[in-house]
Amino acid sequence: MAQNSGGSVPGTPSVLRAMNDRAALDLLLEHGPLSRTRVGALTGLSKPTASQLLGRLEASGLVLATGTSTGRPGPSAQLYTINPRAAFVAGLDVTPQRIHAAVADVTGSVVGQCELLTPGRRAGDVPAQVTGALDGAIKDAGLARSDIHRVVIGTPGAFDPSTGRLRYASHLPGWHSPTLLGKLATALPMPVEYENDVNLVAIAEQHAGAAREHENFVLLWNGEGLGAALVMGGRLHRGFTGGAGELGFLPVPGAPLVRGVTQANGGGYQNLAGAQVLPELARQHGIADVPHGPYPEVAARLLGRAAASDEGAYGAFLDAYATRLATGLASLVAVLDPELVVLAGEAIAPGGNPLLNRVTSELHELAAARPRLVLGDVTDHPVRHGALESALAATRDEVFDTSR
């Protein structure tokens, strides 16, 4: 029988111990503090084997003894929990206006945060911005850079794996240099991964939101840009260059055909249903007091008002916007036939159920497939949430592997 790269043979006691260790660690993550007896019952292990397992994990620093279940001392009452300091990760959410960084311990609890304002549309020193935001969150957590096992950075667009250059996000200044990833690798001592921001929102929704227990779904995001995340068979589909889901470039009925879309940083669907069109769409339907400001914020305020009123001019505005959203979704649904569509972002979520119901009705008129449509549940820093979750998944696989 061939040995694996770690020198152990599948099915041998060392491998089985590692499998049992990981099962116990996952149970402690899911359920919180557990006794030896409870760990044994949930894993199917005998009480002596569960005791040995927990003793081994405590000795390795992965779990801690923490109090008792009855308030009385005694081995049978001792509770165990994951040692939160076994590992730390960081997640960064990058936009043209700011970088929001957070640090979480291995249990997923956020222990430090930092928001760093950036020069907006002007290019700046991106490595300095990234390290500044990260160091701010690390300092807030009372840690050092060397404590961070992994960083995941979420940006608009995607880094082309063949060139290392950011594509589909010309509005993010300073991030398009072919040497950027090398400079960041030099500046940061830990593994760093890069992911599309909308993909990270989908990871957040799949882990803790509306897409839990769903392996085939689409997330439509409308905020600073309009895009989608595609999850098939439980895995993100990124495409050959990382551009799968860049839905804003999609040609659609009702919008002029856009050529040179990368230079324009948008296409037909962005021009039809992006957040930037909502102020004028509101005026066209008789809404006079359109607020001013950054268009995602304006869109959120308009949709919040419309959801609260849901009649007259605001109702007509929601009708028109729902048709525009459903027009692009119909093409996506026709190709992918997802089980679920999650609607999220500043230019969708504030519309609430009044907008959701309208988009559902319109999509059912325009598409043969009829997936269930829901609003996203993760509204508190969803990109950052997904970045942390992605970093935690990889880090736990490394740190919780006791076969090494």
Protein backbone atom coordinates (compact mmCIF):
# COMPACT_ATOMS: atom_id res chain seq x y z
CA MET A 1 0.00 0.00 0.00
CA ALA A 2 1.38 3.43 -0.95
CA GLN A 3 2.04 5.93 1.77
CA ASN A 4 0.67 9.46 1.68
CA SER A 5 2.92 12.54 1.62
CA GLY A 6 2.89 12.75 5.42
CA GLY A 7 4.34 9.26 5.75
CA SER A 8 1.19 7.71 7.27
CA VAL A 9 -0.94 5.03 5.65
CA PRO A 10 -4.68 5.61 5.09
CA GLY A 11 -6.65 3.54 7.59
CA THR A 12 -3.79 3.21 10.08
CA PRO A 13 -4.30 4.23 13.74
CA SER A 14 -2.51 7.57 13.24
CA VAL A 15 -4.84 8.53 10.39
CA LEU A 16 -7.93 7.39 12.28
CA ARG A 17 -6.82 9.37 15.32
CA ALA A 18 -6.40 12.47 13.16
CA MET A 19 -9.88 11.95 11.68
CA ASN A 20 -11.41 11.60 15.15
CA ASP A 21 -9.49 14.65 16.36
CA ARG A 22 -10.86 16.75 13.51
CA ALA A 23 -14.41 15.50 14.09
CA ALA A 24 -14.17 16.49 17.76
CA LEU A 25 -12.73 19.90 16.92
CA ASP A 26 -15.53 20.56 14.44
CA LEU A 27 -18.11 19.57 17.05
CA LEU A 28 -16.56 21.95 19.57
CA LEU A 29 -16.70 24.73 16.98
CA GLU A 30 -20.36 24.00 16.25
CA HIS A 31 -21.69 23.33 19.74
CA GLY A 32 -19.35 25.19 22.06
CA PRO A 33 -18.06 23.67 25.33
CA LEU A 34 -18.68 19.91 25.56
CA SER A 35 -17.92 17.24 28.15
CA ARG A 36 -16.01 14.03 27.48
CA THR A 37 -19.26 12.12 27.61
CA ARG A 38 -20.94 14.41 25.09
CA VAL A 39 -17.97 14.31 22.73
CA GLY A 40 -18.05 10.52 22.90
CA ALA A 41 -21.78 10.40 22.19
CA LEU A 42 -21.54 12.78 19.22
CA THR A 43 -18.53 11.05 17.67
CA GLY A 44 -19.52 7.48 18.50
CA LEU A 45 -16.31 6.97 20.47
CA SER A 46 -16.12 5.22 23.82
CA LYS A 47 -15.68 7.38 26.89
CA PRO A 48 -12.06 6.25 27.44
CA THR A 49 -11.20 6.97 23.79
CA ALA A 50 -12.91 10.38 23.97
CA SER A 51 -10.92 11.13 27.14
CA GLN A 52 -7.66 10.23 25.40
CA LEU A 53 -8.63 12.34 22.41
CA LEU A 54 -9.40 15.42 24.50
CA GLY A 55 -6.24 14.96 26.54
CA ARG A 56 -4.23 14.82 23.33
CA LEU A 57 -5.87 17.94 21.95
CA GLU A 58 -5.42 19.79 25.24
CA ALA A 59 -1.72 18.89 25.28
CA SER A 60 -1.35 20.18 21.72
CA GLY A 61 -2.92 23.52 22.67
CA LEU A 62 -5.96 23.13 20.43
CA VAL A 63 -8.53 22.81 23.24
CA LEU A 64 -8.86 24.18 26.75
CA ALA A 65 -10.54 22.81 29.85
CA THR A 66 -13.13 25.37 30.86
CA GLY A 67 -15.31 24.91 33.92
CA THR A 68 -17.74 22.08 34.62
CA SER A 69 -21.24 21.26 33.48
CA THR A 70 -22.57 20.73 37.03
CA GLY A 71 -20.61 23.27 39.03
CA ARG A 72 -18.90 20.43 40.92
CA PRO A 73 -15.36 19.26 40.19
CA GLY A 74 -14.89 15.86 38.61
CA PRO A 75 -13.65 14.38 35.34
CA SER A 76 -17.11 13.51 34.07
CA ALA A 77 -18.26 17.13 34.46
CA GLN A 78 -15.24 18.82 32.89
CA LEU A 79 -16.04 20.89 29.80
CA TYR A 80 -13.70 21.48 26.89
CA THR A 81 -13.67 24.22 24.28
CA ILE A 82 -11.57 25.28 21.31
CA ASN A 83 -8.55 27.35 22.31
CA PRO A 84 -9.35 30.63 20.51
CA ARG A 85 -5.67 31.57 20.42
CA ALA A 86 -4.72 28.47 18.44
CA ALA A 87 -4.72 30.62 15.28
CA PHE A 88 -5.69 34.04 13.98
CA VAL A 89 -6.71 35.18 10.50
CA ALA A 90 -7.46 38.50 8.83
CA GLY A 91 -9.95 39.60 6.18
CA LEU A 92 -9.85 42.83 4.17
CA ASP A 93 -12.67 44.48 2.22
CA VAL A 94 -11.24 46.88 -0.38
CA THR A 95 -13.23 49.63 -2.11
CA PRO A 96 -12.11 52.84 -3.85
CA GLN A 97 -12.95 54.81 -0.70
CA ARG A 98 -11.54 52.68 2.10
CA ILE A 99 -10.08 49.39 3.29
CA HIS A 100 -11.84 47.68 6.16
CA ALA A 101 -9.71 45.06 7.92
CA ALA A 102 -10.66 42.64 10.67
CA VAL A 103 -8.87 39.94 12.65
CA ALA A 104 -10.64 36.84 13.97
CA ASP A 105 -9.50 34.03 16.23
CA VAL A 106 -9.83 30.42 15.13
CA THR A 107 -13.39 30.21 16.50
CA GLY A 108 -14.46 33.02 14.16
CA SER A 109 -14.83 35.71 16.82
CA VAL A 110 -13.71 39.13 15.56
CA VAL A 111 -11.04 40.45 17.94
CA GLY A 112 -9.75 43.52 16.08
CA GLN A 113 -10.88 45.95 13.38
CA CYS A 114 -9.57 48.94 11.45
CA GLU A 115 -11.01 51.16 8.74
CA LEU A 116 -8.51 53.05 6.61
CA LEU A 117 -9.72 55.77 4.26
CA THR A 118 -8.00 55.72 0.86
CA PRO A 119 -7.55 58.43 -1.80
CA GLY A 120 -10.73 57.47 -3.64
CA ARG A 121 -10.34 57.76 -7.39
CA ARG A 122 -6.66 58.73 -7.11
CA ALA A 123 -4.01 56.03 -7.08
CA GLY A 124 -2.06 55.66 -3.87
CA ASP A 125 0.56 53.40 -2.32
CA VAL A 126 -1.50 50.22 -2.26
CA PRO A 127 0.98 48.05 -0.29
CA ALA A 128 1.17 50.77 2.36
CA GLN A 129 -2.62 51.04 2.45
CA VAL A 130 -3.06 47.28 2.83
CA THR A 131 -0.40 46.92 5.52
CA GLY A 132 -1.70 50.01 7.29
CA ALA A 133 -5.25 48.65 7.52
CA LEU A 134 -4.03 45.19 8.48
CA ASP A 135 -1.64 46.49 11.13
CA GLY A 136 -4.43 48.65 12.56
CA ALA A 137 -6.68 45.61 13.01
CA ILE A 138 -3.80 43.56 14.42
CA LYS A 139 -2.97 46.30 16.92
CA ASP A 140 -6.65 46.56 17.91
CA ALA A 141 -6.57 42.81 18.62
CA GLY A 142 -3.43 43.14 20.76
CA LEU A 143 -1.47 40.88 18.40
CA ALA A 144 1.59 41.01 16.13
CA ARG A 145 1.84 40.33 12.40
CA SER A 146 3.53 37.02 13.17
CA ASP A 147 0.34 35.86 14.94
CA ILE A 148 -1.69 35.99 11.71
CA HIS A 149 -1.81 32.66 9.88
CA ARG A 150 -3.56 33.81 6.71
CA VAL A 151 -5.06 36.90 5.08
CA VAL A 152 -7.87 37.00 2.51
CA ILE A 153 -8.37 40.25 0.60
CA GLY A 154 -11.65 40.98 -1.17
CA THR A 155 -11.67 43.41 -4.10
CA PRO A 156 -13.99 44.26 -6.98
CA GLY A 157 -13.06 42.37 -10.14
CA ALA A 158 -10.60 39.48 -10.05
CA PHE A 159 -6.88 38.85 -10.40
CA ASP A 160 -6.19 37.00 -13.64
CA PRO A 161 -4.31 33.83 -12.61
CA SER A 162 -2.23 33.90 -15.83
CA THR A 163 -1.02 37.52 -15.51
CA GLY A 164 -1.49 38.44 -11.85
CA ARG A 165 -3.25 41.65 -12.90
CA LEU A 166 -6.60 42.87 -11.61
CA ARG A 167 -9.33 42.76 -14.24
CA TYR A 168 -12.95 43.99 -14.41
CA ALA A 169 -12.39 46.80 -11.86
CA SER A 170 -10.89 49.86 -13.51
CA HIS A 171 -12.48 52.01 -10.79
CA LEU A 172 -10.03 50.67 -8.15
CA PRO A 173 -6.98 52.93 -8.59
CA GLY A 174 -3.50 51.63 -7.90
CA TRP A 175 -4.48 47.95 -7.98
CA HIS A 176 -3.63 47.20 -11.62
CA SER A 177 0.15 47.14 -11.53
CA PRO A 178 1.65 43.81 -12.69
CA THR A 179 4.09 44.01 -9.76
CA LEU A 180 1.46 44.61 -7.07
CA LEU A 181 1.01 41.01 -5.90
CA GLY A 182 4.77 40.58 -5.65
CA LYS A 183 5.10 43.73 -3.55
CA LEU A 184 2.30 42.59 -1.24
CA ALA A 185 3.89 39.14 -0.90
CA THR A 186 7.14 40.84 0.13
CA ALA A 187 5.37 43.12 2.62
CA LEU A 188 3.28 40.41 4.27
CA PRO A 189 4.91 37.37 5.91
CA MET A 190 1.82 35.15 5.92
CA PRO A 191 -0.08 33.46 3.05
CA VAL A 192 -2.31 35.99 1.28
CA GLU A 193 -5.24 35.10 -0.97
CA TYR A 194 -7.33 37.38 -3.18
CA GLU A 195 -11.01 36.91 -3.95
CA ASN A 196 -13.75 38.81 -5.73
CA ASP A 197 -15.86 40.76 -3.25
CA VAL A 198 -19.20 39.38 -4.46
CA ASN A 199 -17.85 35.83 -4.24
CA LEU A 200 -16.99 36.54 -0.61
CA VAL A 201 -20.54 37.72 0.06
CA ALA A 202 -21.73 34.38 -1.34
CA ILE A 203 -19.36 32.54 1.02
CA ALA A 204 -20.80 34.55 3.92
CA GLU A 205 -24.37 33.73 2.89
CA GLN A 206 -23.51 30.06 2.42
CA HIS A 207 -21.91 29.89 5.85
CA ALA A 208 -24.24 32.00 7.97
CA GLY A 209 -27.01 33.41 5.80
CA ALA A 210 -29.78 32.74 3.36
CA ALA A 211 -27.87 30.10 1.34
CA ARG A 212 -27.09 27.74 4.21
CA GLU A 213 -27.50 24.09 3.13
CA HIS A 214 -27.70 25.14 -0.53
CA GLU A 215 -25.09 23.89 -3.00
CA ASN A 216 -26.47 25.45 -6.19
CA PHE A 217 -27.31 29.12 -5.96
CA VAL A 218 -26.68 32.52 -7.49
CA LEU A 219 -26.08 35.70 -5.49
CA LEU A 220 -26.95 38.95 -7.26
CA TRP A 221 -25.20 41.95 -5.72
CA ASN A 222 -25.94 45.58 -6.52
CA GLY A 223 -23.95 48.29 -4.79
CA GLU A 224 -20.95 50.18 -6.10
CA GLY A 225 -21.13 47.74 -9.01
CA LEU A 226 -23.53 45.07 -10.21
CA GLY A 227 -22.29 41.49 -10.20
CA ALA A 228 -23.09 37.92 -9.32
CA ALA A 229 -21.50 34.98 -7.54
CA LEU A 230 -22.10 31.50 -8.93
CA VAL A 231 -22.04 28.50 -6.59
CA MET A 232 -22.38 25.10 -8.25
CA GLY A 233 -22.03 21.81 -6.43
CA GLY A 234 -21.14 23.73 -3.29
CA ARG A 235 -18.15 25.43 -4.91
CA LEU A 236 -17.62 28.89 -6.35
CA HIS A 237 -17.33 29.01 -10.13
CA ARG A 238 -14.72 31.65 -10.97
CA GLY A 239 -14.19 31.09 -14.66
CA PHE A 240 -10.95 30.90 -16.67
CA THR A 241 -9.74 34.42 -15.81
CA GLY A 242 -11.71 34.86 -12.59
CA GLY A 243 -14.41 36.87 -14.33
CA ALA A 244 -17.39 34.54 -13.92
CA GLY A 245 -20.29 36.54 -12.52
CA GLU A 246 -19.21 39.96 -13.84
CA LEU A 247 -22.83 40.45 -14.75
CA GLY A 248 -22.64 44.20 -15.19
CA PHE A 249 -21.03 43.62 -18.61
CA LEU A 250 -23.99 41.53 -19.83
CA PRO A 251 -25.79 42.92 -22.92
CA VAL A 252 -29.50 43.11 -22.12
CA PRO A 253 -32.72 44.28 -23.79
CA GLY A 254 -33.66 47.82 -22.82
CA ALA A 255 -30.08 49.15 -22.76
CA PRO A 256 -27.89 50.31 -25.66
CA LEU A 257 -25.21 47.87 -26.78
CA VAL A 258 -21.94 48.86 -25.09
CA ARG A 259 -18.65 48.27 -26.87
CA GLY A 260 -15.26 48.55 -25.19
CA VAL A 261 -16.82 47.41 -21.93
CA THR A 262 -13.54 47.15 -20.03
CA GLN A 263 -12.75 50.78 -20.76
CA ALA A 264 -16.31 51.77 -19.83
CA ASN A 265 -16.12 49.55 -16.70
CA GLY A 266 -19.65 48.41 -17.36
CA GLY A 267 -22.07 47.14 -19.95
CA GLY A 268 -25.75 46.91 -20.70
CA TYR A 269 -26.96 45.39 -17.43
CA GLN A 270 -24.94 47.87 -15.34
CA ASN A 271 -26.42 50.73 -17.36
CA LEU A 272 -29.92 49.29 -17.07
CA ALA A 273 -30.06 48.32 -13.39
CA GLY A 274 -26.92 49.57 -11.61
CA ALA A 275 -27.30 51.75 -8.55
CA GLN A 276 -26.27 54.82 -10.54
CA VAL A 277 -29.50 54.76 -12.62
CA LEU A 278 -31.90 54.80 -9.67
CA PRO A 279 -31.99 58.57 -9.07
CA GLU A 280 -33.08 59.25 -12.65
CA LEU A 281 -35.45 56.28 -12.61
CA ALA A 282 -37.06 57.73 -9.50
CA ARG A 283 -37.51 61.13 -11.17
CA GLN A 284 -39.06 59.48 -14.24
CA HIS A 285 -41.75 58.00 -11.98
CA GLY A 286 -42.65 61.24 -10.24
CA ILE A 287 -40.39 61.18 -7.18
CA ALA A 288 -39.24 64.77 -6.79
CA ASP A 289 -37.20 64.74 -3.57
CA VAL A 290 -34.36 62.51 -4.76
CA PRO A 291 -31.49 62.67 -2.25
CA HIS A 292 -27.92 63.54 -3.17
CA GLY A 293 -24.67 61.77 -2.38
CA PRO A 294 -22.75 58.63 -3.43
CA TYR A 295 -25.07 56.60 -5.60
CA PRO A 296 -25.12 53.39 -3.46
CA GLU A 297 -26.25 55.51 -0.50
CA VAL A 298 -28.80 57.37 -2.63
CA ALA A 299 -30.12 54.06 -3.96
CA ALA A 300 -30.45 52.68 -0.43
CA ARG A 301 -32.40 55.73 0.76
CA LEU A 302 -34.72 55.67 -2.26
CA LEU A 303 -35.41 51.96 -1.88
CA GLY A 304 -35.98 52.32 1.85
CA ARG A 305 -38.60 55.01 1.22
CA ALA A 306 -40.20 52.96 -1.53
CA ALA A 307 -40.39 49.84 0.63
CA ALA A 308 -42.08 51.86 3.38
CA SER A 309 -44.61 53.45 1.00
CA ASP A 310 -45.02 50.76 -1.69
CA GLU A 311 -47.71 52.69 -3.57
CA GLY A 312 -48.14 55.60 -5.95
CA ALA A 313 -44.90 56.95 -7.41
CA TYR A 314 -42.79 54.77 -5.14
CA GLY A 315 -44.72 51.65 -6.14
CA ALA A 316 -44.26 52.49 -9.84
CA PHE A 317 -40.56 53.07 -9.20
CA LEU A 318 -40.23 49.63 -7.60
CA ASP A 319 -42.14 48.05 -10.49
CA ALA A 320 -39.75 49.54 -13.05
CA TYR A 321 -36.63 48.66 -11.08
CA ALA A 322 -37.80 45.07 -10.50
CA THR A 323 -38.28 44.62 -14.24
CA ARG A 324 -34.75 45.85 -14.88
CA LEU A 325 -33.25 43.53 -12.29
CA ALA A 326 -35.25 40.56 -13.59
CA THR A 327 -34.14 41.23 -17.17
CA GLY A 328 -30.52 40.39 -16.43
CA LEU A 329 -31.38 37.65 -13.96
CA ALA A 330 -33.43 35.88 -16.62
CA SER A 331 -30.32 35.27 -18.73
CA LEU A 332 -28.37 33.98 -15.75
CA VAL A 333 -31.18 31.67 -14.67
CA ALA A 334 -31.62 30.32 -18.20
CA VAL A 335 -27.96 29.26 -18.30
CA LEU A 336 -27.42 28.01 -14.74
CA ASP A 337 -30.88 26.87 -13.55
CA PRO A 338 -30.01 27.52 -9.87
CA GLU A 339 -32.00 26.25 -6.93
CA LEU A 340 -31.88 29.63 -5.19
CA VAL A 341 -31.21 33.28 -6.02
CA VAL A 342 -30.00 35.52 -3.19
CA LEU A 343 -30.49 39.28 -3.67
CA ALA A 344 -28.09 41.52 -1.73
CA GLY A 345 -26.27 44.85 -1.70
CA GLU A 346 -27.01 48.47 -0.81
CA ALA A 347 -29.05 48.92 -4.00
CA ILE A 348 -31.28 45.89 -3.35
CA ALA A 349 -31.58 44.99 0.33
CA PRO A 350 -33.32 48.20 1.50
CA GLY A 351 -36.15 47.44 -0.95
CA GLY A 352 -37.11 44.54 1.31
CA ASN A 353 -40.01 42.26 0.52
CA PRO A 354 -41.81 44.78 -1.73
CA LEU A 355 -38.86 44.70 -4.15
CA LEU A 356 -38.23 40.97 -3.66
CA ASN A 357 -41.82 40.07 -4.50
CA ARG A 358 -41.77 42.20 -7.63
CA VAL A 359 -38.48 40.75 -8.88
CA THR A 360 -39.78 37.23 -8.24
CA SER A 361 -42.97 37.91 -10.18
CA GLU A 362 -41.09 39.48 -13.10
CA LEU A 363 -38.49 36.72 -13.24
CA HIS A 364 -41.18 34.08 -13.36
CA GLU A 365 -42.61 35.88 -16.40
CA LEU A 366 -39.23 36.10 -18.16
CA ALA A 367 -37.54 32.77 -17.34
CA ALA A 368 -38.64 29.18 -17.81
CA ALA A 369 -36.84 28.05 -14.64
CA ARG A 370 -38.36 29.29 -11.38
CA PRO A 371 -35.77 29.35 -8.61
CA ARG A 372 -36.69 30.61 -5.17
CA LEU A 373 -35.63 34.22 -4.57
CA VAL A 374 -34.63 35.44 -1.11
CA LEU A 375 -32.96 38.48 0.41
CA GLY A 376 -29.48 38.07 1.86
CA ASP A 377 -29.21 37.65 5.62
CA VAL A 378 -25.61 38.81 6.16
CA THR A 379 -25.84 42.60 6.26
CA ASP A 380 -22.98 43.47 8.66
CA HIS A 381 -19.81 43.78 6.56
CA PRO A 382 -20.66 40.82 4.30
CA VAL A 383 -17.45 41.03 2.23
CA ARG A 384 -15.32 41.09 5.36
CA HIS A 385 -17.38 38.24 6.82
CA GLY A 386 -16.76 36.12 3.73
CA ALA A 387 -13.04 36.96 3.71
CA LEU A 388 -12.68 35.84 7.32
CA GLU A 389 -14.68 32.69 6.67
CA SER A 390 -12.52 31.82 3.67
CA ALA A 391 -9.33 32.39 5.67
CA LEU A 392 -10.67 30.35 8.59
CA ALA A 393 -11.59 27.36 6.43
CA ALA A 394 -8.04 27.03 5.09
CA THR A 395 -6.40 27.80 8.44
CA ARG A 396 -8.48 25.26 10.34
CA ASP A 397 -7.52 22.59 7.81
CA GLU A 398 -3.88 23.34 8.56
CA VAL A 399 -4.00 23.92 12.31
CA PHE A 400 -6.48 21.12 13.12
CA ASP A 401 -4.51 18.49 11.16
CA THR A 402 -2.99 16.43 13.99
CA SER A 403 -1.54 13.84 11.62
CA ARG A 404 1.45 16.07 10.88
